[in-house]
Amino acid sequence: MALTAETESRLYRSLRAAAGAAAHLVALGFPTAVAVLARPGSSLFSWHPLLMALAFSFLMTEALLIFSPETSLLRSFSRKVKVRVHWALQLLALLCALLGLGIITYNKHLNGKAHFVTWHGLTGLLTVLYAGGQCMGGVLLLYPKLMKNWTLAKLKLYHATSGLVGYLLGCASLMLGMCSLWFTTSVTSVSWYLAMLCPLLTSLVIMNQSWIACSVLSPGSSYDAHDTERAGATHLMPASVGMLPSTGLIWRRQDRSCHIPGEKGRESPLTQEAAAGTALPLVLRRQLGQ
C-alpha cells in the first residue's frame, strides 16, 4: 500500500531529525575520542589533531546545524540570534584551525621535516585558507550593501554553496589525517572504520541540509511546503509585492493576501476555497492565516 504524501513527509522529517541527532553526537564524540587518543599536552604535536577535530568536526558542524529546523539547538531563537551564533562558531573554528596549522608547521620545523608534502598536509592547508576566505565572504551577508549589483538571495545562495565545499574539504582533511601513520598505529581494525564513518555521516547530513537551502534560494526554484520549512525560508517571502515561485500567484505582504494574475494586469483575490485546491506552501498558508 502506497504511503500518503503526509505520511511520507512525516517519515522523511523523522529520518532527518534522527540523522541530525546522530550528527550532533558524532560532532562532539569524534573530538572527544581524538583528545583521549592524542593526550593534549603530552607533546607539541598532540595539540594539532585535537584543534583540527574541534574546528572541523565540532565547531563547524554545529555552526551549520544551527539552521536546521529539526535538530538546531537554538530552534526557539530568532534567525538573527542564529546568524550571530553561526558567526561566533565559525570564527572559533577558524581560530582553532589556524592554531592547529601553526602548531604542526612549527613542529615539523623543529624536527627538520618537509612541509606540505602529503595529501593530508596539502588538503589541510587548502581547507584552512578556504575557511578564512569563507569567513570573509560572510561579511558580505552582514553588509549586503557592499555588493550593490548582487541580491541578498544570490549572496546567500553562493555563501551556502561555497560553505558546503569548505565543509567537505574539512571532512576530507580529517579522513586523510586518519590515514596517517600516527592514527593508524593507534587505531586499528573496526575502530578505524568507525572513525572514518564519523565525517562521512556529518557530511551527508550537512549536504542534505545545504541542498534544500540552495534549492529554495536558487532563482526559479520550485520548492514545496516542507522544503520551505526545512530550509527556514520564511524570510525569502517577497518584501512587498512579488511572484511566488512555482505557484504563479502574486503575494502582497501589506494585507497578507495572494492574488491570481488575470488578463490586462487584472488580479483576483485568492479565496480560502481556491487556496485549498492549490499547491500553496504551508508557510504561505500560515502567512495568509489559513
C-alpha atoms as a PDB file:
ATOM      1  CA  MET A   1       0.000   0.000   0.000  1.00  0.00           C
ATOM      2  CA  ALA A   2       1.422   3.365  -1.048  1.00  0.00           C
ATOM      3  CA  LEU A   3       2.176   5.965   1.589  1.00  0.00           C
ATOM      4  CA  THR A   4       0.179   9.177   1.565  1.00  0.00           C
ATOM      5  CA  ALA A   5       2.022  12.429   0.955  1.00  0.00           C
ATOM      6  CA  GLU A   6       1.505  13.485   4.584  1.00  0.00           C
ATOM      7  CA  THR A   7       2.765  10.162   5.983  1.00  0.00           C
ATOM      8  CA  GLU A   8       5.747  10.149   3.644  1.00  0.00           C
ATOM      9  CA  SER A   9       6.612  13.718   4.623  1.00  0.00           C
ATOM     10  CA  ARG A  10       6.319  12.896   8.333  1.00  0.00           C
ATOM     11  CA  LEU A  11       8.554   9.878   7.872  1.00  0.00           C
ATOM     12  CA  TYR A  12      11.112  11.957   5.976  1.00  0.00           C
ATOM     13  CA  ARG A  13      11.176  14.611   8.690  1.00  0.00           C
ATOM     14  CA  SER A  14      11.630  11.912  11.344  1.00  0.00           C
ATOM     15  CA  LEU A  15      14.571  10.435   9.466  1.00  0.00           C
ATOM     16  CA  ARG A  16      16.117  13.879   9.105  1.00  0.00           C
ATOM     17  CA  ALA A  17      15.676  14.522  12.817  1.00  0.00           C
ATOM     18  CA  ALA A  18      17.302  11.181  13.679  1.00  0.00           C
ATOM     19  CA  ALA A  19      20.201  11.831  11.297  1.00  0.00           C
ATOM     20  CA  GLY A  20      20.642  15.330  12.727  1.00  0.00           C
ATOM     21  CA  ALA A  21      20.709  13.991  16.297  1.00  0.00           C
ATOM     22  CA  ALA A  22      23.344  11.442  15.253  1.00  0.00           C
ATOM     23  CA  ALA A  23      25.366  14.259  13.655  1.00  0.00           C
ATOM     24  CA  HIS A  24      25.310  16.185  16.945  1.00  0.00           C
ATOM     25  CA  LEU A  25      26.587  13.141  18.824  1.00  0.00           C
ATOM     26  CA  VAL A  26      29.317  12.474  16.266  1.00  0.00           C
ATOM     27  CA  ALA A  27      30.331  16.149  16.181  1.00  0.00           C
ATOM     28  CA  LEU A  28      31.040  16.006  19.916  1.00  0.00           C
ATOM     29  CA  GLY A  29      32.127  12.369  20.184  1.00  0.00           C
ATOM     30  CA  PHE A  30      34.828  12.458  17.499  1.00  0.00           C
ATOM     31  CA  PRO A  31      36.904  15.298  19.050  1.00  0.00           C
ATOM     32  CA  THR A  32      36.485  13.651  22.448  1.00  0.00           C
ATOM     33  CA  ALA A  33      37.916  10.401  21.104  1.00  0.00           C
ATOM     34  CA  VAL A  34      40.766  12.299  19.427  1.00  0.00           C
ATOM     35  CA  ALA A  35      41.526  14.069  22.725  1.00  0.00           C
ATOM     36  CA  VAL A  36      41.765  10.722  24.527  1.00  0.00           C
ATOM     37  CA  LEU A  37      43.998   9.377  21.781  1.00  0.00           C
ATOM     38  CA  ALA A  38      46.265  12.423  21.401  1.00  0.00           C
ATOM     39  CA  ARG A  39      46.534  13.288  25.125  1.00  0.00           C
ATOM     40  CA  PRO A  40      46.952  17.053  24.540  1.00  0.00           C
ATOM     41  CA  GLY A  41      49.923  18.461  26.421  1.00  0.00           C
ATOM     42  CA  SER A  42      51.967  15.287  26.146  1.00  0.00           C
ATOM     43  CA  SER A  43      53.796  16.803  23.174  1.00  0.00           C
ATOM     44  CA  LEU A  44      53.588  19.800  20.875  1.00  0.00           C
ATOM     45  CA  PHE A  45      52.136  17.643  18.097  1.00  0.00           C
ATOM     46  CA  SER A  46      49.340  16.383  20.379  1.00  0.00           C
ATOM     47  CA  TRP A  47      47.540  19.733  20.068  1.00  0.00           C
ATOM     48  CA  HIS A  48      47.301  19.542  16.274  1.00  0.00           C
ATOM     49  CA  PRO A  49      44.782  16.679  15.914  1.00  0.00           C
ATOM     50  CA  LEU A  50      42.658  17.985  18.781  1.00  0.00           C
ATOM     51  CA  LEU A  51      42.431  21.522  17.413  1.00  0.00           C
ATOM     52  CA  MET A  52      41.618  20.319  13.894  1.00  0.00           C
ATOM     53  CA  ALA A  53      38.978  17.905  15.189  1.00  0.00           C
ATOM     54  CA  LEU A  54      37.420  20.711  17.238  1.00  0.00           C
ATOM     55  CA  ALA A  55      37.461  23.056  14.239  1.00  0.00           C
ATOM     56  CA  PHE A  56      36.017  20.822  11.534  1.00  0.00           C
ATOM     57  CA  SER A  57      34.155  18.112  13.420  1.00  0.00           C
ATOM     58  CA  PHE A  58      32.584  20.040  16.287  1.00  0.00           C
ATOM     59  CA  LEU A  59      32.516  23.815  15.762  1.00  0.00           C
ATOM     60  CA  MET A  60      31.913  23.909  12.009  1.00  0.00           C
ATOM     61  CA  THR A  61      29.310  21.136  12.138  1.00  0.00           C
ATOM     62  CA  GLU A  62      27.380  22.874  14.913  1.00  0.00           C
ATOM     63  CA  ALA A  63      27.664  26.204  13.095  1.00  0.00           C
ATOM     64  CA  LEU A  64      25.853  24.675  10.116  1.00  0.00           C
ATOM     65  CA  LEU A  65      23.349  22.534  12.039  1.00  0.00           C
ATOM     66  CA  ILE A  66      22.205  25.646  13.891  1.00  0.00           C
ATOM     67  CA  PHE A  67      19.978  26.452  10.893  1.00  0.00           C
ATOM     68  CA  SER A  68      18.324  23.017  10.837  1.00  0.00           C
ATOM     69  CA  PRO A  69      14.629  23.296  11.834  1.00  0.00           C
ATOM     70  CA  GLU A  70      14.620  19.691  13.091  1.00  0.00           C
ATOM     71  CA  THR A  71      17.834  19.485  15.105  1.00  0.00           C
ATOM     72  CA  SER A  72      19.058  23.021  15.763  1.00  0.00           C
ATOM     73  CA  LEU A  73      19.964  23.611  19.394  1.00  0.00           C
ATOM     74  CA  LEU A  74      18.528  27.126  19.006  1.00  0.00           C
ATOM     75  CA  ARG A  75      15.228  26.335  17.305  1.00  0.00           C
ATOM     76  CA  SER A  76      13.235  28.659  19.555  1.00  0.00           C
ATOM     77  CA  PHE A  77      15.542  31.621  18.914  1.00  0.00           C
ATOM     78  CA  SER A  78      15.204  34.209  16.164  1.00  0.00           C
ATOM     79  CA  ARG A  79      17.129  33.945  12.925  1.00  0.00           C
ATOM     80  CA  LYS A  80      19.204  36.970  13.940  1.00  0.00           C
ATOM     81  CA  VAL A  81      20.446  35.125  17.025  1.00  0.00           C
ATOM     82  CA  LYS A  82      21.197  32.023  14.961  1.00  0.00           C
ATOM     83  CA  VAL A  83      23.226  34.059  12.483  1.00  0.00           C
ATOM     84  CA  ARG A  84      25.288  35.620  15.256  1.00  0.00           C
ATOM     85  CA  VAL A  85      25.955  32.253  16.896  1.00  0.00           C
ATOM     86  CA  HIS A  86      26.840  30.846  13.471  1.00  0.00           C
ATOM     87  CA  TRP A  87      29.364  33.652  13.036  1.00  0.00           C
ATOM     88  CA  ALA A  88      30.859  33.057  16.507  1.00  0.00           C
ATOM     89  CA  LEU A  89      31.227  29.304  15.948  1.00  0.00           C
ATOM     90  CA  GLN A  90      32.780  29.785  12.520  1.00  0.00           C
ATOM     91  CA  LEU A  91      35.293  32.289  13.872  1.00  0.00           C
ATOM     92  CA  LEU A  92      36.200  29.881  16.680  1.00  0.00           C
ATOM     93  CA  ALA A  93      36.577  27.101  14.119  1.00  0.00           C
ATOM     94  CA  LEU A  94      38.888  29.274  12.014  1.00  0.00           C
ATOM     95  CA  LEU A  95      40.922  30.198  15.096  1.00  0.00           C
ATOM     96  CA  CYS A  96      41.333  26.532  16.080  1.00  0.00           C
ATOM     97  CA  ALA A  97      42.289  25.634  12.500  1.00  0.00           C
ATOM     98  CA  LEU A  98      44.890  28.410  12.331  1.00  0.00           C
ATOM     99  CA  LEU A  99      46.370  27.344  15.669  1.00  0.00           C
ATOM    100  CA  GLY A 100      46.431  23.711  14.544  1.00  0.00           C
ATOM    101  CA  LEU A 101      48.143  24.664  11.294  1.00  0.00           C
ATOM    102  CA  GLY A 102      50.664  26.831  13.082  1.00  0.00           C
ATOM    103  CA  ILE A 103      51.483  24.107  15.612  1.00  0.00           C
ATOM    104  CA  ILE A 104      52.074  21.375  13.038  1.00  0.00           C
ATOM    105  CA  THR A 105      54.181  23.748  10.911  1.00  0.00           C
ATOM    106  CA  TYR A 106      56.359  24.689  13.874  1.00  0.00           C
ATOM    107  CA  ASN A 107      56.598  21.062  14.997  1.00  0.00           C
ATOM    108  CA  LYS A 108      57.844  19.988  11.565  1.00  0.00           C
ATOM    109  CA  HIS A 109      60.329  22.857  11.623  1.00  0.00           C
ATOM    110  CA  LEU A 110      61.709  21.687  14.988  1.00  0.00           C
ATOM    111  CA  ASN A 111      62.055  18.135  13.717  1.00  0.00           C
ATOM    112  CA  GLY A 112      63.559  19.106  10.369  1.00  0.00           C
ATOM    113  CA  LYS A 113      60.707  17.619   8.331  1.00  0.00           C
ATOM    114  CA  ALA A 114      59.401  18.880   4.997  1.00  0.00           C
ATOM    115  CA  HIS A 115      56.191  20.919   4.963  1.00  0.00           C
ATOM    116  CA  PHE A 116      53.032  20.112   2.984  1.00  0.00           C
ATOM    117  CA  VAL A 117      54.365  17.107   1.088  1.00  0.00           C
ATOM    118  CA  THR A 118      51.449  14.735   1.821  1.00  0.00           C
ATOM    119  CA  TRP A 119      47.853  14.812   0.607  1.00  0.00           C
ATOM    120  CA  HIS A 120      46.751  15.400   4.188  1.00  0.00           C
ATOM    121  CA  GLY A 121      49.051  18.388   4.558  1.00  0.00           C
ATOM    122  CA  LEU A 122      48.091  19.943   1.232  1.00  0.00           C
ATOM    123  CA  THR A 123      44.367  19.408   1.789  1.00  0.00           C
ATOM    124  CA  GLY A 124      44.631  20.786   5.308  1.00  0.00           C
ATOM    125  CA  LEU A 125      46.400  23.935   4.114  1.00  0.00           C
ATOM    126  CA  LEU A 126      43.824  24.458   1.360  1.00  0.00           C
ATOM    127  CA  THR A 127      40.989  23.924   3.838  1.00  0.00           C
ATOM    128  CA  VAL A 128      42.294  26.485   6.331  1.00  0.00           C
ATOM    129  CA  LEU A 129      42.830  29.086   3.601  1.00  0.00           C
ATOM    130  CA  TYR A 130      39.387  28.356   2.172  1.00  0.00           C
ATOM    131  CA  ALA A 131      37.788  28.695   5.624  1.00  0.00           C
ATOM    132  CA  GLY A 132      39.418  32.105   6.006  1.00  0.00           C
ATOM    133  CA  GLY A 133      38.038  33.225   2.661  1.00  0.00           C
ATOM    134  CA  GLN A 134      34.599  31.863   3.514  1.00  0.00           C
ATOM    135  CA  CYS A 135      34.507  33.861   6.749  1.00  0.00           C
ATOM    136  CA  MET A 136      35.457  36.991   4.824  1.00  0.00           C
ATOM    137  CA  GLY A 137      32.691  36.244   2.338  1.00  0.00           C
ATOM    138  CA  GLY A 138      30.237  36.017   5.226  1.00  0.00           C
ATOM    139  CA  VAL A 139      30.867  39.703   5.911  1.00  0.00           C
ATOM    140  CA  LEU A 140      29.017  40.465   2.674  1.00  0.00           C
ATOM    141  CA  LEU A 141      25.882  38.912   4.153  1.00  0.00           C
ATOM    142  CA  LEU A 142      26.160  41.151   7.186  1.00  0.00           C
ATOM    143  CA  TYR A 143      26.696  44.177   4.959  1.00  0.00           C
ATOM    144  CA  PRO A 144      24.992  43.325   1.643  1.00  0.00           C
ATOM    145  CA  LYS A 145      25.152  46.963   0.517  1.00  0.00           C
ATOM    146  CA  LEU A 146      28.835  46.393  -0.200  1.00  0.00           C
ATOM    147  CA  MET A 147      27.703  44.313  -3.214  1.00  0.00           C
ATOM    148  CA  LYS A 148      25.223  46.648  -4.870  1.00  0.00           C
ATOM    149  CA  ASN A 149      24.846  44.544  -8.023  1.00  0.00           C
ATOM    150  CA  TRP A 150      24.008  41.356  -6.100  1.00  0.00           C
ATOM    151  CA  THR A 151      20.724  40.486  -4.456  1.00  0.00           C
ATOM    152  CA  LEU A 152      20.726  39.201  -0.884  1.00  0.00           C
ATOM    153  CA  ALA A 153      19.191  35.892  -2.007  1.00  0.00           C
ATOM    154  CA  LYS A 154      22.006  35.383  -4.523  1.00  0.00           C
ATOM    155  CA  LEU A 155      24.653  36.179  -1.893  1.00  0.00           C
ATOM    156  CA  LYS A 156      23.066  33.635   0.456  1.00  0.00           C
ATOM    157  CA  LEU A 157      22.989  31.047  -2.317  1.00  0.00           C
ATOM    158  CA  TYR A 158      26.680  31.462  -3.102  1.00  0.00           C
ATOM    159  CA  HIS A 159      27.641  31.563   0.582  1.00  0.00           C
ATOM    160  CA  ALA A 160      25.722  28.348   1.311  1.00  0.00           C
ATOM    161  CA  THR A 161      27.196  26.583  -1.727  1.00  0.00           C
ATOM    162  CA  SER A 162      30.787  27.638  -1.067  1.00  0.00           C
ATOM    163  CA  GLY A 163      30.327  26.861   2.620  1.00  0.00           C
ATOM    164  CA  LEU A 164      29.363  23.299   1.764  1.00  0.00           C
ATOM    165  CA  VAL A 165      32.513  22.946  -0.351  1.00  0.00           C
ATOM    166  CA  GLY A 166      34.614  24.221   2.544  1.00  0.00           C
ATOM    167  CA  TYR A 167      32.973  21.817   4.972  1.00  0.00           C
ATOM    168  CA  LEU A 168      33.574  18.853   2.663  1.00  0.00           C
ATOM    169  CA  LEU A 169      37.224  19.909   2.338  1.00  0.00           C
ATOM    170  CA  GLY A 170      37.483  19.886   6.126  1.00  0.00           C
ATOM    171  CA  CYS A 171      35.974  16.410   6.338  1.00  0.00           C
ATOM    172  CA  ALA A 172      38.314  15.181   3.597  1.00  0.00           C
ATOM    173  CA  SER A 173      41.277  16.570   5.527  1.00  0.00           C
ATOM    174  CA  LEU A 174      40.134  14.751   8.675  1.00  0.00           C
ATOM    175  CA  MET A 175      39.765  11.481   6.773  1.00  0.00           C
ATOM    176  CA  LEU A 176      43.218  11.849   5.224  1.00  0.00           C
ATOM    177  CA  GLY A 177      44.578  12.524   8.707  1.00  0.00           C
ATOM    178  CA  MET A 178      43.095   9.211   9.836  1.00  0.00           C
ATOM    179  CA  CYS A 179      45.223   7.535   7.163  1.00  0.00           C
ATOM    180  CA  SER A 180      48.418   8.910   8.729  1.00  0.00           C
ATOM    181  CA  LEU A 181      50.953   6.706  10.473  1.00  0.00           C
ATOM    182  CA  TRP A 182      50.183   8.303  13.845  1.00  0.00           C
ATOM    183  CA  PHE A 183      46.477   7.462  13.660  1.00  0.00           C
ATOM    184  CA  THR A 184      46.680   4.014  12.041  1.00  0.00           C
ATOM    185  CA  THR A 185      49.239   2.915  14.633  1.00  0.00           C
ATOM    186  CA  SER A 186      46.873   3.768  17.482  1.00  0.00           C
ATOM    187  CA  VAL A 187      43.517   2.930  15.901  1.00  0.00           C
ATOM    188  CA  THR A 188      43.132  -0.351  14.052  1.00  0.00           C
ATOM    189  CA  SER A 189      40.568  -2.861  12.854  1.00  0.00           C
ATOM    190  CA  VAL A 190      36.872  -1.994  13.272  1.00  0.00           C
ATOM    191  CA  SER A 191      37.632   1.133  15.306  1.00  0.00           C
ATOM    192  CA  TRP A 192      39.386   2.705  12.330  1.00  0.00           C
ATOM    193  CA  TYR A 193      36.412   2.120  10.037  1.00  0.00           C
ATOM    194  CA  LEU A 194      34.017   3.542  12.640  1.00  0.00           C
ATOM    195  CA  ALA A 195      36.218   6.627  12.934  1.00  0.00           C
ATOM    196  CA  MET A 196      36.144   7.086   9.165  1.00  0.00           C
ATOM    197  CA  LEU A 197      32.350   6.947   9.227  1.00  0.00           C
ATOM    198  CA  CYS A 198      32.142   9.974  11.534  1.00  0.00           C
ATOM    199  CA  PRO A 199      32.977  12.697   8.970  1.00  0.00           C
ATOM    200  CA  LEU A 200      31.027  10.770   6.329  1.00  0.00           C
ATOM    201  CA  LEU A 201      27.867  10.867   8.438  1.00  0.00           C
ATOM    202  CA  THR A 202      28.089  14.555   9.237  1.00  0.00           C
ATOM    203  CA  SER A 203      28.899  15.315   5.580  1.00  0.00           C
ATOM    204  CA  LEU A 204      25.735  13.569   4.395  1.00  0.00           C
ATOM    205  CA  VAL A 205      23.586  15.422   6.928  1.00  0.00           C
ATOM    206  CA  ILE A 206      25.104  18.807   6.036  1.00  0.00           C
ATOM    207  CA  MET A 207      24.860  18.095   2.293  1.00  0.00           C
ATOM    208  CA  ASN A 208      21.164  17.290   2.605  1.00  0.00           C
ATOM    209  CA  GLN A 209      20.516  20.458   4.604  1.00  0.00           C
ATOM    210  CA  SER A 210      22.534  22.589   2.175  1.00  0.00           C
ATOM    211  CA  TRP A 211      20.840  21.074  -0.873  1.00  0.00           C
ATOM    212  CA  ILE A 212      17.417  22.036   0.478  1.00  0.00           C
ATOM    213  CA  ALA A 213      18.565  25.561   1.332  1.00  0.00           C
ATOM    214  CA  CYS A 214      20.144  26.026  -2.100  1.00  0.00           C
ATOM    215  CA  SER A 215      17.071  24.663  -3.892  1.00  0.00           C
ATOM    216  CA  VAL A 216      14.949  27.294  -2.149  1.00  0.00           C
ATOM    217  CA  LEU A 217      17.404  30.121  -2.784  1.00  0.00           C
ATOM    218  CA  SER A 218      18.006  29.285  -6.448  1.00  0.00           C
ATOM    219  CA  PRO A 219      16.271  31.602  -8.942  1.00  0.00           C
ATOM    220  CA  GLY A 220      13.164  29.972 -10.415  1.00  0.00           C
ATOM    221  CA  SER A 221      13.264  27.127  -7.908  1.00  0.00           C
ATOM    222  CA  SER A 222      10.146  25.023  -7.391  1.00  0.00           C
ATOM    223  CA  TYR A 223      10.140  24.295  -3.684  1.00  0.00           C
ATOM    224  CA  ASP A 224       7.300  22.670  -1.793  1.00  0.00           C
ATOM    225  CA  ALA A 225       5.887  23.311   1.660  1.00  0.00           C
ATOM    226  CA  HIS A 226       8.241  21.054   3.542  1.00  0.00           C
ATOM    227  CA  ASP A 227      11.319  22.178   1.620  1.00  0.00           C
ATOM    228  CA  THR A 228      10.485  25.763   2.545  1.00  0.00           C
ATOM    229  CA  GLU A 229      10.076  24.989   6.236  1.00  0.00           C
ATOM    230  CA  ARG A 230      13.108  22.705   6.417  1.00  0.00           C
ATOM    231  CA  ALA A 231      15.296  25.409   4.911  1.00  0.00           C
ATOM    232  CA  GLY A 232      13.892  28.037   7.259  1.00  0.00           C
ATOM    233  CA  ALA A 233      12.985  30.104   4.218  1.00  0.00           C
ATOM    234  CA  THR A 234      10.177  32.219   5.627  1.00  0.00           C
ATOM    235  CA  HIS A 235      12.496  35.227   5.242  1.00  0.00           C
ATOM    236  CA  LEU A 236      12.547  34.667   1.481  1.00  0.00           C
ATOM    237  CA  MET A 237       8.994  35.950   1.054  1.00  0.00           C
ATOM    238  CA  PRO A 238       8.791  38.976  -1.271  1.00  0.00           C
ATOM    239  CA  ALA A 239       9.283  42.185   0.715  1.00  0.00           C
ATOM    240  CA  SER A 240       6.113  43.847  -0.601  1.00  0.00           C
ATOM    241  CA  VAL A 241       4.689  42.536  -3.862  1.00  0.00           C
ATOM    242  CA  GLY A 242       6.105  39.723  -5.925  1.00  0.00           C
ATOM    243  CA  MET A 243       5.501  36.490  -7.795  1.00  0.00           C
ATOM    244  CA  LEU A 244       5.637  33.367  -5.646  1.00  0.00           C
ATOM    245  CA  PRO A 245       7.918  30.707  -7.177  1.00  0.00           C
ATOM    246  CA  SER A 246       6.202  27.551  -8.500  1.00  0.00           C
ATOM    247  CA  THR A 247       2.677  28.870  -7.749  1.00  0.00           C
ATOM    248  CA  GLY A 248       2.054  31.544 -10.379  1.00  0.00           C
ATOM    249  CA  LEU A 249       0.425  33.638  -7.653  1.00  0.00           C
ATOM    250  CA  ILE A 250       1.103  37.226  -6.628  1.00  0.00           C
ATOM    251  CA  TRP A 251       1.877  37.863  -2.962  1.00  0.00           C
ATOM    252  CA  ARG A 252       1.043  41.154  -1.238  1.00  0.00           C
ATOM    253  CA  ARG A 253       2.699  41.390   2.174  1.00  0.00           C
ATOM    254  CA  GLN A 254       0.820  44.510   3.296  1.00  0.00           C
ATOM    255  CA  ASP A 255      -2.504  42.711   3.658  1.00  0.00           C
ATOM    256  CA  ARG A 256      -1.056  39.166   3.628  1.00  0.00           C
ATOM    257  CA  SER A 257      -3.036  38.177   0.561  1.00  0.00           C
ATOM    258  CA  CYS A 258      -2.490  36.134  -2.577  1.00  0.00           C
ATOM    259  CA  HIS A 259      -3.903  37.118  -5.950  1.00  0.00           C
ATOM    260  CA  ILE A 260      -4.425  35.239  -9.195  1.00  0.00           C
ATOM    261  CA  PRO A 261      -2.968  37.074 -12.221  1.00  0.00           C
ATOM    262  CA  GLY A 262      -5.585  37.916 -14.841  1.00  0.00           C
ATOM    263  CA  GLU A 263      -5.708  39.436 -18.281  1.00  0.00           C
ATOM    264  CA  LYS A 264      -4.539  43.017 -18.864  1.00  0.00           C
ATOM    265  CA  GLY A 265      -2.858  43.179 -15.469  1.00  0.00           C
ATOM    266  CA  ARG A 266      -6.042  42.477 -13.528  1.00  0.00           C
ATOM    267  CA  GLU A 267      -5.870  40.409 -10.378  1.00  0.00           C
ATOM    268  CA  SER A 268      -8.500  38.489  -8.448  1.00  0.00           C
ATOM    269  CA  PRO A 269      -8.033  37.682  -4.745  1.00  0.00           C
ATOM    270  CA  LEU A 270      -7.309  34.073  -3.875  1.00  0.00           C
ATOM    271  CA  THR A 271     -10.098  32.843  -1.615  1.00  0.00           C
ATOM    272  CA  GLN A 272      -9.634  30.197   1.039  1.00  0.00           C
ATOM    273  CA  GLU A 273     -11.695  27.784  -1.049  1.00  0.00           C
ATOM    274  CA  ALA A 274      -9.455  28.345  -4.069  1.00  0.00           C
ATOM    275  CA  ALA A 275      -6.301  28.129  -1.955  1.00  0.00           C
ATOM    276  CA  ALA A 276      -7.350  24.703  -0.693  1.00  0.00           C
ATOM    277  CA  GLY A 277      -7.071  23.379  -4.220  1.00  0.00           C
ATOM    278  CA  THR A 278      -3.622  24.823  -4.908  1.00  0.00           C
ATOM    279  CA  ALA A 279      -0.117  23.711  -4.069  1.00  0.00           C
ATOM    280  CA  LEU A 280       0.493  26.693  -1.816  1.00  0.00           C
ATOM    281  CA  PRO A 281       3.431  26.055   0.507  1.00  0.00           C
ATOM    282  CA  LEU A 282       2.424  25.574   4.112  1.00  0.00           C
ATOM    283  CA  VAL A 283       4.446  28.580   5.181  1.00  0.00           C
ATOM    284  CA  LEU A 284       2.343  30.752   2.853  1.00  0.00           C
ATOM    285  CA  ARG A 285      -0.876  29.312   4.225  1.00  0.00           C
ATOM    286  CA  ARG A 286       0.258  30.390   7.672  1.00  0.00           C
ATOM    287  CA  GLN A 287       1.097  33.855   6.371  1.00  0.00           C
ATOM    288  CA  LEU A 288      -2.412  34.033   4.928  1.00  0.00           C
ATOM    289  CA  GLY A 289      -3.873  32.958   8.265  1.00  0.00           C
ATOM    290  CA  GLN A 290      -5.461  29.847   6.752  1.00  0.00           C
END
